Amino acid sequence: MRKKPLCLLCIFFLLLRLAATLIMGKTMDNPAFPSSTTIQIEGTVLQKSITSKQQILTIGNLEKQSRQKKKQYIEKEKIVIYDDSFRKVKIGDRICVKGDGETFEEARNPGNFDQREYYRKKHTTGFLWAKEILVTERAKVSLREMLFRMRQRSREVFEHCLGKKNGGILAAMVLGEKAGMDPEVKELYQKSGISHLLAISGVCFLCWVFLIGERMA
């Protein structure tokens, strides 16, 4: 008799989980912008990384203008911006971006990396190929921007001493800066199940910053 209520409780939680998954999936199919269309959206730069080909920005506190010219505020969601022109943007700046919007792809085969699910957990609805970027409000240099500059400088030193490929691996492991890592090497880490070695690196970097700061003080 005791097993029956427990079984019903398990079924209830399974149904609840399934309902939540369906709702989240539906939300992802209706992102802050329709896929494969040119849109204009405004947001605050939260993260920044630079590769040899492009600058990658993550913006939040979004503000989108509808066709009726009404402003739509999207506080919790974020969007990734790919900028090939390397425009001068700091973390904390408020920018207005115009470009082609796309949603993330789901895993095509079982066991493959599910890009859409990965970014859904980060509340990131899609990405934008930037055609125009206008800084609407300049921010003061923040701690995040200072840490970004330290990471960039350290990565440049690693790549100069060890070469681009090995320097990129060391930068990913020490700094948590995976943007400059060789795509083939990154894929090997993921397939081998050791990508967690790179995930903890950002925390290690912050620990080193605080330790050095205390010594200097």
C-alpha atoms as a PDB file:
ATOM      1  CA  MET A   1       0.000   0.000   0.000  1.00  0.00           C
ATOM      2  CA  ARG A   2       2.864   2.333   0.782  1.00  0.00           C
ATOM      3  CA  LYS A   3       4.421   1.792  -2.634  1.00  0.00           C
ATOM      4  CA  LYS A   4       1.302   2.963  -4.479  1.00  0.00           C
ATOM      5  CA  PRO A   5       1.304   6.591  -3.177  1.00  0.00           C
ATOM      6  CA  LEU A   6       5.062   6.765  -3.810  1.00  0.00           C
ATOM      7  CA  CYS A   7       4.571   5.541  -7.381  1.00  0.00           C
ATOM      8  CA  LEU A   8       1.810   8.098  -7.967  1.00  0.00           C
ATOM      9  CA  LEU A   9       4.051  10.832  -6.575  1.00  0.00           C
ATOM     10  CA  CYS A  10       6.845   9.844  -8.981  1.00  0.00           C
ATOM     11  CA  ILE A  11       4.418   9.890 -11.912  1.00  0.00           C
ATOM     12  CA  PHE A  12       3.191  13.336 -10.828  1.00  0.00           C
ATOM     13  CA  PHE A  13       6.728  14.758 -10.781  1.00  0.00           C
ATOM     14  CA  LEU A  14       7.501  13.183 -14.164  1.00  0.00           C
ATOM     15  CA  LEU A  15       4.403  14.793 -15.670  1.00  0.00           C
ATOM     16  CA  LEU A  16       5.326  18.101 -14.053  1.00  0.00           C
ATOM     17  CA  ARG A  17       8.830  17.898 -15.526  1.00  0.00           C
ATOM     18  CA  LEU A  18       7.426  17.032 -18.959  1.00  0.00           C
ATOM     19  CA  ALA A  19       5.032  19.985 -18.814  1.00  0.00           C
ATOM     20  CA  ALA A  20       7.867  22.334 -17.833  1.00  0.00           C
ATOM     21  CA  THR A  21      10.013  21.050 -20.715  1.00  0.00           C
ATOM     22  CA  LEU A  22       7.186  21.578 -23.209  1.00  0.00           C
ATOM     23  CA  ILE A  23       6.543  25.090 -21.915  1.00  0.00           C
ATOM     24  CA  MET A  24      10.232  26.008 -22.101  1.00  0.00           C
ATOM     25  CA  GLY A  25      10.471  24.515 -25.567  1.00  0.00           C
ATOM     26  CA  LYS A  26       7.521  26.597 -26.668  1.00  0.00           C
ATOM     27  CA  THR A  27       9.160  29.685 -25.195  1.00  0.00           C
ATOM     28  CA  MET A  28      12.316  28.979 -27.154  1.00  0.00           C
ATOM     29  CA  ASP A  29      10.323  28.632 -30.364  1.00  0.00           C
ATOM     30  CA  ASN A  30       9.004  32.155 -29.770  1.00  0.00           C
ATOM     31  CA  PRO A  31      12.169  34.096 -28.899  1.00  0.00           C
ATOM     32  CA  ALA A  32      12.700  37.834 -28.534  1.00  0.00           C
ATOM     33  CA  PHE A  33      12.989  37.981 -32.310  1.00  0.00           C
ATOM     34  CA  PRO A  34      11.847  35.819 -35.226  1.00  0.00           C
ATOM     35  CA  SER A  35      14.555  33.709 -36.862  1.00  0.00           C
ATOM     36  CA  SER A  36      16.197  34.690 -40.171  1.00  0.00           C
ATOM     37  CA  THR A  37      14.961  38.286 -40.105  1.00  0.00           C
ATOM     38  CA  THR A  38      16.636  41.681 -39.779  1.00  0.00           C
ATOM     39  CA  ILE A  39      15.815  43.225 -36.421  1.00  0.00           C
ATOM     40  CA  GLN A  40      16.911  46.091 -34.193  1.00  0.00           C
ATOM     41  CA  ILE A  41      17.372  45.569 -30.464  1.00  0.00           C
ATOM     42  CA  GLU A  42      18.946  47.473 -27.585  1.00  0.00           C
ATOM     43  CA  GLY A  43      20.696  46.018 -24.542  1.00  0.00           C
ATOM     44  CA  THR A  44      23.509  46.273 -22.002  1.00  0.00           C
ATOM     45  CA  VAL A  45      26.808  44.496 -22.707  1.00  0.00           C
ATOM     46  CA  LEU A  46      27.250  41.808 -20.021  1.00  0.00           C
ATOM     47  CA  GLN A  47      30.101  39.738 -21.476  1.00  0.00           C
ATOM     48  CA  LYS A  48      32.704  40.128 -24.197  1.00  0.00           C
ATOM     49  CA  SER A  49      35.243  37.882 -25.891  1.00  0.00           C
ATOM     50  CA  ILE A  50      37.463  38.359 -28.930  1.00  0.00           C
ATOM     51  CA  THR A  51      38.699  35.844 -31.495  1.00  0.00           C
ATOM     52  CA  SER A  52      40.840  36.363 -34.583  1.00  0.00           C
ATOM     53  CA  LYS A  53      37.710  36.590 -36.745  1.00  0.00           C
ATOM     54  CA  GLN A  54      35.139  38.444 -34.642  1.00  0.00           C
ATOM     55  CA  GLN A  55      34.063  40.042 -31.403  1.00  0.00           C
ATOM     56  CA  ILE A  56      31.391  38.175 -29.418  1.00  0.00           C
ATOM     57  CA  LEU A  57      29.117  40.176 -27.117  1.00  0.00           C
ATOM     58  CA  THR A  58      26.369  39.004 -24.774  1.00  0.00           C
ATOM     59  CA  ILE A  59      23.717  41.637 -24.072  1.00  0.00           C
ATOM     60  CA  GLY A  60      20.900  41.677 -21.508  1.00  0.00           C
ATOM     61  CA  ASN A  61      18.190  44.038 -20.186  1.00  0.00           C
ATOM     62  CA  LEU A  62      16.828  43.975 -23.710  1.00  0.00           C
ATOM     63  CA  GLU A  63      14.583  46.544 -25.314  1.00  0.00           C
ATOM     64  CA  LYS A  64      13.021  45.704 -28.681  1.00  0.00           C
ATOM     65  CA  GLN A  65      10.936  47.972 -30.874  1.00  0.00           C
ATOM     66  CA  SER A  66       7.921  46.327 -32.522  1.00  0.00           C
ATOM     67  CA  ARG A  67       6.534  47.104 -35.973  1.00  0.00           C
ATOM     68  CA  GLN A  68       4.008  49.407 -34.297  1.00  0.00           C
ATOM     69  CA  LYS A  69       7.022  51.289 -32.838  1.00  0.00           C
ATOM     70  CA  LYS A  70       6.130  50.164 -29.329  1.00  0.00           C
ATOM     71  CA  LYS A  71       8.998  49.332 -26.976  1.00  0.00           C
ATOM     72  CA  GLN A  72       9.080  45.811 -25.560  1.00  0.00           C
ATOM     73  CA  TYR A  73      11.234  45.217 -22.471  1.00  0.00           C
ATOM     74  CA  ILE A  74      12.757  41.749 -22.013  1.00  0.00           C
ATOM     75  CA  GLU A  75      14.646  41.763 -18.709  1.00  0.00           C
ATOM     76  CA  LYS A  76      15.554  38.108 -18.107  1.00  0.00           C
ATOM     77  CA  GLU A  77      16.555  37.069 -21.634  1.00  0.00           C
ATOM     78  CA  LYS A  78      19.941  37.584 -23.278  1.00  0.00           C
ATOM     79  CA  ILE A  79      21.208  37.588 -26.866  1.00  0.00           C
ATOM     80  CA  VAL A  80      24.657  36.809 -28.304  1.00  0.00           C
ATOM     81  CA  ILE A  81      26.025  39.347 -30.809  1.00  0.00           C
ATOM     82  CA  TYR A  82      28.639  38.429 -33.442  1.00  0.00           C
ATOM     83  CA  ASP A  83      30.516  41.518 -34.628  1.00  0.00           C
ATOM     84  CA  ASP A  84      33.005  41.150 -37.506  1.00  0.00           C
ATOM     85  CA  SER A  85      33.961  44.847 -37.447  1.00  0.00           C
ATOM     86  CA  PHE A  86      35.420  44.831 -33.901  1.00  0.00           C
ATOM     87  CA  ARG A  87      33.616  48.012 -32.857  1.00  0.00           C
ATOM     88  CA  LYS A  88      34.907  49.609 -29.653  1.00  0.00           C
ATOM     89  CA  VAL A  89      32.462  48.482 -26.992  1.00  0.00           C
ATOM     90  CA  LYS A  90      33.062  48.103 -23.251  1.00  0.00           C
ATOM     91  CA  ILE A  91      31.304  45.796 -20.798  1.00  0.00           C
ATOM     92  CA  GLY A  92      28.503  47.843 -19.243  1.00  0.00           C
ATOM     93  CA  ASP A  93      27.861  49.973 -22.360  1.00  0.00           C
ATOM     94  CA  ARG A  94      24.302  50.309 -23.606  1.00  0.00           C
ATOM     95  CA  ILE A  95      24.194  49.499 -27.333  1.00  0.00           C
ATOM     96  CA  CYS A  96      21.631  49.412 -30.126  1.00  0.00           C
ATOM     97  CA  VAL A  97      22.246  46.575 -32.601  1.00  0.00           C
ATOM     98  CA  LYS A  98      20.783  45.981 -36.044  1.00  0.00           C
ATOM     99  CA  GLY A  99      21.352  42.694 -37.843  1.00  0.00           C
ATOM    100  CA  ASP A 100      20.124  39.247 -38.842  1.00  0.00           C
ATOM    101  CA  GLY A 101      18.656  37.197 -35.992  1.00  0.00           C
ATOM    102  CA  GLU A 102      18.902  33.419 -35.637  1.00  0.00           C
ATOM    103  CA  THR A 103      17.845  30.851 -33.032  1.00  0.00           C
ATOM    104  CA  PHE A 104      20.153  28.132 -31.705  1.00  0.00           C
ATOM    105  CA  GLU A 105      19.999  24.631 -33.200  1.00  0.00           C
ATOM    106  CA  GLU A 106      18.769  21.543 -31.399  1.00  0.00           C
ATOM    107  CA  ALA A 107      20.811  18.322 -31.371  1.00  0.00           C
ATOM    108  CA  ARG A 108      20.204  16.500 -34.662  1.00  0.00           C
ATOM    109  CA  ASN A 109      21.198  13.092 -33.286  1.00  0.00           C
ATOM    110  CA  PRO A 110      20.959  11.571 -29.774  1.00  0.00           C
ATOM    111  CA  GLY A 111      24.110  12.254 -27.766  1.00  0.00           C
ATOM    112  CA  ASN A 112      25.139  15.277 -29.848  1.00  0.00           C
ATOM    113  CA  PHE A 113      25.670  18.684 -28.280  1.00  0.00           C
ATOM    114  CA  ASP A 114      22.304  20.459 -27.929  1.00  0.00           C
ATOM    115  CA  GLN A 115      23.114  24.113 -28.522  1.00  0.00           C
ATOM    116  CA  ARG A 116      19.552  25.291 -27.906  1.00  0.00           C
ATOM    117  CA  GLU A 117      19.261  23.498 -24.538  1.00  0.00           C
ATOM    118  CA  TYR A 118      22.697  24.760 -23.453  1.00  0.00           C
ATOM    119  CA  TYR A 119      21.798  28.389 -24.095  1.00  0.00           C
ATOM    120  CA  ARG A 120      18.243  27.982 -22.760  1.00  0.00           C
ATOM    121  CA  LYS A 121      19.728  27.226 -19.336  1.00  0.00           C
ATOM    122  CA  LYS A 122      21.612  30.513 -19.640  1.00  0.00           C
ATOM    123  CA  HIS A 123      18.374  32.365 -20.567  1.00  0.00           C
ATOM    124  CA  THR A 124      19.863  33.166 -23.991  1.00  0.00           C
ATOM    125  CA  THR A 125      17.263  33.048 -26.754  1.00  0.00           C
ATOM    126  CA  GLY A 126      19.354  33.458 -29.902  1.00  0.00           C
ATOM    127  CA  PHE A 127      22.162  35.288 -31.679  1.00  0.00           C
ATOM    128  CA  LEU A 128      22.517  38.235 -34.014  1.00  0.00           C
ATOM    129  CA  TRP A 129      24.941  38.867 -36.887  1.00  0.00           C
ATOM    130  CA  ALA A 130      25.561  42.577 -36.352  1.00  0.00           C
ATOM    131  CA  LYS A 131      25.388  44.959 -39.312  1.00  0.00           C
ATOM    132  CA  GLU A 132      25.271  48.144 -37.250  1.00  0.00           C
ATOM    133  CA  ILE A 133      26.176  48.815 -33.606  1.00  0.00           C
ATOM    134  CA  LEU A 134      25.517  52.182 -31.977  1.00  0.00           C
ATOM    135  CA  VAL A 135      26.620  52.928 -28.407  1.00  0.00           C
ATOM    136  CA  THR A 136      23.693  54.795 -26.837  1.00  0.00           C
ATOM    137  CA  GLU A 137      25.195  55.096 -23.355  1.00  0.00           C
ATOM    138  CA  ARG A 138      28.841  54.802 -22.326  1.00  0.00           C
ATOM    139  CA  ALA A 139      29.624  53.081 -19.019  1.00  0.00           C
ATOM    140  CA  LYS A 140      32.536  53.702 -16.685  1.00  0.00           C
ATOM    141  CA  VAL A 141      35.271  51.068 -16.707  1.00  0.00           C
ATOM    142  CA  SER A 142      33.844  48.289 -14.532  1.00  0.00           C
ATOM    143  CA  LEU A 143      35.524  45.408 -12.690  1.00  0.00           C
ATOM    144  CA  ARG A 144      34.284  43.046 -15.425  1.00  0.00           C
ATOM    145  CA  GLU A 145      35.945  45.168 -18.107  1.00  0.00           C
ATOM    146  CA  MET A 146      39.210  45.257 -16.139  1.00  0.00           C
ATOM    147  CA  LEU A 147      39.153  41.455 -15.728  1.00  0.00           C
ATOM    148  CA  PHE A 148      38.442  41.085 -19.454  1.00  0.00           C
ATOM    149  CA  ARG A 149      41.488  43.208 -20.312  1.00  0.00           C
ATOM    150  CA  MET A 150      43.663  41.174 -17.931  1.00  0.00           C
ATOM    151  CA  ARG A 151      42.466  37.955 -19.580  1.00  0.00           C
ATOM    152  CA  GLN A 152      43.149  39.317 -23.057  1.00  0.00           C
ATOM    153  CA  ARG A 153      46.649  40.454 -22.144  1.00  0.00           C
ATOM    154  CA  SER A 154      47.449  37.118 -20.460  1.00  0.00           C
ATOM    155  CA  ARG A 155      46.155  35.184 -23.460  1.00  0.00           C
ATOM    156  CA  GLU A 156      48.337  37.241 -25.804  1.00  0.00           C
ATOM    157  CA  VAL A 157      51.389  36.377 -23.669  1.00  0.00           C
ATOM    158  CA  PHE A 158      50.492  32.650 -23.689  1.00  0.00           C
ATOM    159  CA  GLU A 159      50.030  32.610 -27.473  1.00  0.00           C
ATOM    160  CA  HIS A 160      53.265  34.544 -28.039  1.00  0.00           C
ATOM    161  CA  CYS A 161      55.292  32.112 -25.900  1.00  0.00           C
ATOM    162  CA  LEU A 162      53.604  28.802 -26.787  1.00  0.00           C
ATOM    163  CA  GLY A 163      52.046  29.431 -30.187  1.00  0.00           C
ATOM    164  CA  LYS A 164      48.401  30.023 -31.020  1.00  0.00           C
ATOM    165  CA  LYS A 165      47.155  26.440 -30.523  1.00  0.00           C
ATOM    166  CA  ASN A 166      48.926  25.576 -27.249  1.00  0.00           C
ATOM    167  CA  GLY A 167      48.556  29.121 -25.956  1.00  0.00           C
ATOM    168  CA  GLY A 168      44.805  28.931 -26.580  1.00  0.00           C
ATOM    169  CA  ILE A 169      44.568  25.691 -24.573  1.00  0.00           C
ATOM    170  CA  LEU A 170      46.522  27.179 -21.658  1.00  0.00           C
ATOM    171  CA  ALA A 171      44.401  30.349 -21.728  1.00  0.00           C
ATOM    172  CA  ALA A 172      41.244  28.230 -21.572  1.00  0.00           C
ATOM    173  CA  MET A 173      42.570  26.177 -18.631  1.00  0.00           C
ATOM    174  CA  VAL A 174      44.055  29.053 -16.621  1.00  0.00           C
ATOM    175  CA  LEU A 175      41.797  31.982 -17.509  1.00  0.00           C
ATOM    176  CA  GLY A 176      38.560  30.314 -18.572  1.00  0.00           C
ATOM    177  CA  GLU A 177      38.925  32.177 -21.888  1.00  0.00           C
ATOM    178  CA  LYS A 178      37.699  29.612 -24.440  1.00  0.00           C
ATOM    179  CA  ALA A 179      36.955  32.021 -27.309  1.00  0.00           C
ATOM    180  CA  GLY A 180      40.479  31.771 -28.739  1.00  0.00           C
ATOM    181  CA  MET A 181      40.708  28.005 -28.351  1.00  0.00           C
ATOM    182  CA  ASP A 182      41.140  25.885 -31.485  1.00  0.00           C
ATOM    183  CA  PRO A 183      37.667  24.532 -32.487  1.00  0.00           C
ATOM    184  CA  GLU A 184      39.029  21.008 -33.124  1.00  0.00           C
ATOM    185  CA  VAL A 185      40.721  20.879 -29.710  1.00  0.00           C
ATOM    186  CA  LYS A 186      37.561  22.182 -28.022  1.00  0.00           C
ATOM    187  CA  GLU A 187      35.512  19.465 -29.733  1.00  0.00           C
ATOM    188  CA  LEU A 188      38.004  16.801 -28.580  1.00  0.00           C
ATOM    189  CA  TYR A 189      37.625  17.992 -24.977  1.00  0.00           C
ATOM    190  CA  GLN A 190      33.828  17.764 -25.264  1.00  0.00           C
ATOM    191  CA  LYS A 191      33.858  14.293 -26.847  1.00  0.00           C
ATOM    192  CA  SER A 192      36.367  13.006 -24.277  1.00  0.00           C
ATOM    193  CA  GLY A 193      34.162  14.202 -21.421  1.00  0.00           C
ATOM    194  CA  ILE A 194      36.875  16.384 -19.882  1.00  0.00           C
ATOM    195  CA  SER A 195      35.441  19.804 -20.763  1.00  0.00           C
ATOM    196  CA  HIS A 196      34.851  20.313 -17.011  1.00  0.00           C
ATOM    197  CA  LEU A 197      38.583  21.057 -16.748  1.00  0.00           C
ATOM    198  CA  LEU A 198      37.907  24.277 -18.633  1.00  0.00           C
ATOM    199  CA  ALA A 199      34.683  25.098 -16.768  1.00  0.00           C
ATOM    200  CA  ILE A 200      36.383  25.642 -13.385  1.00  0.00           C
ATOM    201  CA  SER A 201      39.101  27.853 -14.820  1.00  0.00           C
ATOM    202  CA  GLY A 202      37.197  31.129 -14.492  1.00  0.00           C
ATOM    203  CA  VAL A 203      36.839  30.575 -10.747  1.00  0.00           C
ATOM    204  CA  CYS A 204      40.568  29.819 -10.462  1.00  0.00           C
ATOM    205  CA  PHE A 205      41.360  33.045 -12.302  1.00  0.00           C
ATOM    206  CA  LEU A 206      39.254  35.122  -9.889  1.00  0.00           C
ATOM    207  CA  CYS A 207      40.963  33.437  -6.922  1.00  0.00           C
ATOM    208  CA  TRP A 208      44.366  34.401  -8.314  1.00  0.00           C
ATOM    209  CA  VAL A 209      43.194  37.997  -8.851  1.00  0.00           C
ATOM    210  CA  PHE A 210      42.030  38.331  -5.237  1.00  0.00           C
ATOM    211  CA  LEU A 211      45.218  36.701  -3.877  1.00  0.00           C
ATOM    212  CA  ILE A 212      47.452  39.032  -5.894  1.00  0.00           C
ATOM    213  CA  GLY A 213      45.302  41.994  -4.842  1.00  0.00           C
ATOM    214  CA  GLU A 214      45.745  41.121  -1.159  1.00  0.00           C
ATOM    215  CA  ARG A 215      49.519  40.737  -1.565  1.00  0.00           C
ATOM    216  CA  MET A 216      49.759  44.123  -3.306  1.00  0.00           C
ATOM    217  CA  ALA A 217      47.653  45.741  -0.559  1.00  0.00           C
END
